[in-house]
Amino acid sequence: MTHKAKDLSPDQKTALESLLGRSIALHDEITIRVTTPPSAPEWLQESWKAAQEQGLDQLSMEEIDEEIAAARKARRERRPSEQ
């Protein structure tokens, strides 16, 4: 896909100039090739889907940290005490 630099937003122009390491003139044509990211493994896609179905993808970082801490605590409490 080819775009004219004059059609880019100021943020897009700045980002491209930063990537190219040079200024872009308004009459320049910019070719942007879109590639698809590599697909995630099936097990990970299933995990994401399960998380979405349970609403877990809506948790804040604090809530995630609390869930991890609670799971670790429960795991420690299930271990037989070493004597």
N, C-alpha and C. Protein backbone atom coordinates (compact mmCIF):
# COMPACT_ATOMS: atom_id res chain seq x y z
N MET A 1 0.85 -1.16 0.00
CA MET A 1 0.00 0.00 0.00
C MET A 1 0.91 1.23 0.00
N THR A 2 0.63 2.17 -0.86
CA THR A 2 1.43 3.39 -0.98
C THR A 2 0.62 4.59 -0.51
N HIS A 3 1.25 5.42 0.32
CA HIS A 3 0.63 6.63 0.83
C HIS A 3 1.51 7.82 0.48
N LYS A 4 0.90 8.96 0.35
CA LYS A 4 1.64 10.21 0.21
C LYS A 4 1.93 10.72 1.61
N ALA A 5 3.11 11.25 1.83
CA ALA A 5 3.48 11.77 3.14
C ALA A 5 2.50 12.84 3.58
N LYS A 6 1.97 13.63 2.63
CA LYS A 6 1.04 14.70 2.99
C LYS A 6 -0.27 14.17 3.59
N ASP A 7 -0.57 12.87 3.34
CA ASP A 7 -1.80 12.28 3.85
C ASP A 7 -1.63 11.65 5.23
N LEU A 8 -0.41 11.61 5.73
CA LEU A 8 -0.16 11.03 7.05
C LEU A 8 -0.50 12.02 8.15
N SER A 9 -0.90 11.50 9.29
CA SER A 9 -1.12 12.38 10.45
C SER A 9 0.26 12.82 10.95
N PRO A 10 0.33 13.91 11.71
CA PRO A 10 1.62 14.35 12.25
C PRO A 10 2.32 13.26 13.07
N ASP A 11 1.54 12.50 13.84
CA ASP A 11 2.13 11.41 14.64
C ASP A 11 2.69 10.31 13.74
N GLN A 12 1.96 9.96 12.69
CA GLN A 12 2.44 8.92 11.78
C GLN A 12 3.72 9.38 11.09
N LYS A 13 3.73 10.65 10.65
CA LYS A 13 4.91 11.20 9.97
C LYS A 13 6.11 11.19 10.91
N THR A 14 5.92 11.60 12.14
CA THR A 14 7.00 11.61 13.12
C THR A 14 7.52 10.21 13.38
N ALA A 15 6.61 9.25 13.52
CA ALA A 15 7.02 7.87 13.77
C ALA A 15 7.83 7.32 12.60
N LEU A 16 7.37 7.58 11.38
CA LEU A 16 8.10 7.09 10.21
C LEU A 16 9.46 7.76 10.08
N GLU A 17 9.52 9.05 10.34
CA GLU A 17 10.81 9.75 10.28
C GLU A 17 11.77 9.19 11.32
N SER A 18 11.26 8.87 12.46
CA SER A 18 12.09 8.28 13.51
C SER A 18 12.63 6.92 13.07
N LEU A 19 11.76 6.11 12.48
CA LEU A 19 12.19 4.78 12.00
C LEU A 19 13.19 4.88 10.85
N LEU A 20 12.96 5.83 9.95
CA LEU A 20 13.83 5.98 8.79
C LEU A 20 15.13 6.72 9.12
N GLY A 21 15.10 7.51 10.18
CA GLY A 21 16.28 8.30 10.54
C GLY A 21 16.49 9.48 9.62
N ARG A 22 15.42 9.94 8.99
CA ARG A 22 15.51 11.10 8.10
C ARG A 22 14.15 11.76 7.99
N SER A 23 14.14 12.97 7.47
CA SER A 23 12.88 13.69 7.26
C SER A 23 12.17 13.15 6.03
N ILE A 24 10.86 13.35 6.01
CA ILE A 24 10.04 12.94 4.87
C ILE A 24 9.43 14.21 4.29
N ALA A 25 9.62 14.40 2.98
CA ALA A 25 9.02 15.55 2.30
C ALA A 25 7.56 15.25 2.00
N LEU A 26 6.76 16.30 1.92
CA LEU A 26 5.32 16.13 1.70
C LEU A 26 5.01 15.38 0.40
N HIS A 27 5.84 15.53 -0.62
CA HIS A 27 5.58 14.86 -1.90
C HIS A 27 6.09 13.41 -1.93
N ASP A 28 6.81 12.98 -0.89
CA ASP A 28 7.33 11.61 -0.84
C ASP A 28 6.19 10.60 -0.79
N GLU A 29 6.41 9.48 -1.45
CA GLU A 29 5.48 8.37 -1.36
C GLU A 29 6.05 7.37 -0.37
N ILE A 30 5.21 6.90 0.50
CA ILE A 30 5.61 5.95 1.54
C ILE A 30 4.91 4.63 1.26
N THR A 31 5.68 3.58 1.11
CA THR A 31 5.11 2.25 0.90
C THR A 31 5.09 1.53 2.23
N ILE A 32 3.91 1.07 2.60
CA ILE A 32 3.75 0.35 3.86
C ILE A 32 3.29 -1.06 3.53
N ARG A 33 4.09 -2.02 3.94
CA ARG A 33 3.74 -3.42 3.71
C ARG A 33 3.20 -3.99 5.01
N VAL A 34 2.02 -4.53 4.94
CA VAL A 34 1.38 -5.10 6.12
C VAL A 34 1.67 -6.59 6.13
N THR A 35 2.20 -7.06 7.24
CA THR A 35 2.43 -8.49 7.39
C THR A 35 1.57 -8.99 8.55
N THR A 36 1.19 -10.22 8.46
CA THR A 36 0.41 -10.80 9.54
C THR A 36 1.38 -11.37 10.58
N PRO A 37 1.09 -11.16 11.83
CA PRO A 37 1.96 -11.69 12.87
C PRO A 37 1.88 -13.21 12.88
N PRO A 38 2.93 -13.87 13.35
CA PRO A 38 2.86 -15.32 13.43
C PRO A 38 1.72 -15.74 14.35
N SER A 39 1.09 -16.81 14.01
CA SER A 39 -0.04 -17.29 14.80
C SER A 39 0.44 -17.85 16.12
N ALA A 40 -0.34 -17.60 17.16
CA ALA A 40 -0.03 -18.16 18.47
C ALA A 40 -0.34 -19.65 18.45
N PRO A 41 0.40 -20.43 19.25
CA PRO A 41 0.11 -21.86 19.31
C PRO A 41 -1.34 -22.11 19.75
N GLU A 42 -1.87 -23.24 19.33
CA GLU A 42 -3.27 -23.56 19.61
C GLU A 42 -3.57 -23.56 21.10
N TRP A 43 -2.65 -24.11 21.92
CA TRP A 43 -2.89 -24.17 23.37
C TRP A 43 -3.01 -22.77 23.96
N LEU A 44 -2.24 -21.81 23.41
CA LEU A 44 -2.30 -20.45 23.92
C LEU A 44 -3.59 -19.77 23.49
N GLN A 45 -4.01 -20.01 22.25
CA GLN A 45 -5.27 -19.46 21.78
C GLN A 45 -6.43 -19.98 22.61
N GLU A 46 -6.40 -21.26 22.96
CA GLU A 46 -7.45 -21.84 23.79
C GLU A 46 -7.44 -21.23 25.19
N SER A 47 -6.24 -20.96 25.71
CA SER A 47 -6.11 -20.35 27.03
C SER A 47 -6.69 -18.93 27.02
N TRP A 48 -6.38 -18.16 25.96
CA TRP A 48 -6.93 -16.81 25.84
C TRP A 48 -8.45 -16.85 25.75
N LYS A 49 -8.97 -17.79 24.96
CA LYS A 49 -10.41 -17.91 24.80
C LYS A 49 -11.08 -18.23 26.14
N ALA A 50 -10.49 -19.16 26.90
CA ALA A 50 -11.04 -19.52 28.21
C ALA A 50 -11.00 -18.33 29.16
N ALA A 51 -9.92 -17.57 29.12
CA ALA A 51 -9.79 -16.39 29.98
C ALA A 51 -10.87 -15.36 29.63
N GLN A 52 -11.12 -15.16 28.34
CA GLN A 52 -12.15 -14.21 27.92
C GLN A 52 -13.53 -14.68 28.36
N GLU A 53 -13.80 -15.97 28.20
CA GLU A 53 -15.11 -16.50 28.59
C GLU A 53 -15.37 -16.32 30.09
N GLN A 54 -14.31 -16.37 30.89
CA GLN A 54 -14.45 -16.21 32.34
C GLN A 54 -14.28 -14.76 32.79
N GLY A 55 -14.03 -13.87 31.83
CA GLY A 55 -13.86 -12.46 32.17
C GLY A 55 -12.50 -12.14 32.76
N LEU A 56 -11.58 -13.09 32.69
CA LEU A 56 -10.26 -12.86 33.29
C LEU A 56 -9.42 -11.87 32.50
N ASP A 57 -9.76 -11.67 31.24
CA ASP A 57 -9.02 -10.71 30.43
C ASP A 57 -9.35 -9.27 30.82
N GLN A 58 -10.29 -9.09 31.73
CA GLN A 58 -10.67 -7.75 32.18
C GLN A 58 -10.04 -7.37 33.52
N LEU A 59 -9.20 -8.25 34.08
CA LEU A 59 -8.60 -7.98 35.38
C LEU A 59 -7.53 -6.91 35.27
N SER A 60 -7.41 -6.11 36.32
CA SER A 60 -6.33 -5.12 36.38
C SER A 60 -5.04 -5.83 36.79
N MET A 61 -3.92 -5.16 36.66
CA MET A 61 -2.64 -5.74 37.07
C MET A 61 -2.65 -6.06 38.57
N GLU A 62 -3.28 -5.20 39.37
CA GLU A 62 -3.36 -5.44 40.81
C GLU A 62 -4.16 -6.71 41.11
N GLU A 63 -5.27 -6.88 40.39
CA GLU A 63 -6.09 -8.08 40.59
C GLU A 63 -5.34 -9.34 40.16
N ILE A 64 -4.60 -9.25 39.08
CA ILE A 64 -3.80 -10.39 38.63
C ILE A 64 -2.75 -10.74 39.68
N ASP A 65 -2.06 -9.73 40.21
CA ASP A 65 -1.05 -9.96 41.26
C ASP A 65 -1.69 -10.62 42.49
N GLU A 66 -2.90 -10.16 42.87
CA GLU A 66 -3.60 -10.75 44.01
C GLU A 66 -3.95 -12.21 43.75
N GLU A 67 -4.40 -12.51 42.52
CA GLU A 67 -4.75 -13.89 42.17
C GLU A 67 -3.51 -14.79 42.23
N ILE A 68 -2.39 -14.30 41.73
CA ILE A 68 -1.15 -15.08 41.75
C ILE A 68 -0.72 -15.33 43.19
N ALA A 69 -0.76 -14.29 44.02
CA ALA A 69 -0.37 -14.44 45.43
C ALA A 69 -1.27 -15.43 46.14
N ALA A 70 -2.57 -15.38 45.88
CA ALA A 70 -3.51 -16.31 46.52
C ALA A 70 -3.25 -17.75 46.07
N ALA A 71 -2.96 -17.94 44.79
CA ALA A 71 -2.67 -19.29 44.28
C ALA A 71 -1.39 -19.83 44.89
N ARG A 72 -0.37 -18.99 45.03
CA ARG A 72 0.88 -19.43 45.65
C ARG A 72 0.67 -19.80 47.11
N LYS A 73 -0.11 -18.99 47.81
CA LYS A 73 -0.38 -19.27 49.22
C LYS A 73 -1.12 -20.60 49.37
N ALA A 74 -2.13 -20.81 48.53
CA ALA A 74 -2.90 -22.06 48.59
C ALA A 74 -2.00 -23.26 48.29
N ARG A 75 -1.09 -23.11 47.34
CA ARG A 75 -0.18 -24.20 47.00
C ARG A 75 0.75 -24.52 48.17
N ARG A 76 1.26 -23.48 48.84
CA ARG A 76 2.13 -23.68 50.01
C ARG A 76 1.38 -24.38 51.13
N GLU A 77 0.14 -24.02 51.33
CA GLU A 77 -0.66 -24.60 52.42
C GLU A 77 -1.04 -26.05 52.14
N ARG A 78 -1.08 -26.46 50.88
CA ARG A 78 -1.41 -27.85 50.53
C ARG A 78 -0.23 -28.78 50.69
N ARG A 79 0.98 -28.23 50.65
CA ARG A 79 2.17 -29.08 50.78
C ARG A 79 2.24 -29.71 52.17
N PRO A 80 2.63 -30.96 52.23
CA PRO A 80 2.83 -31.56 53.56
C PRO A 80 4.03 -30.88 54.21
N SER A 81 3.90 -30.61 55.48
CA SER A 81 5.01 -29.95 56.16
C SER A 81 6.20 -30.89 56.27
N GLU A 82 7.38 -30.33 56.05
CA GLU A 82 8.61 -31.13 56.11
C GLU A 82 9.05 -31.21 57.57
N GLN A 83 9.38 -32.40 58.02
CA GLN A 83 9.78 -32.57 59.43
C GLN A 83 11.16 -33.14 59.52
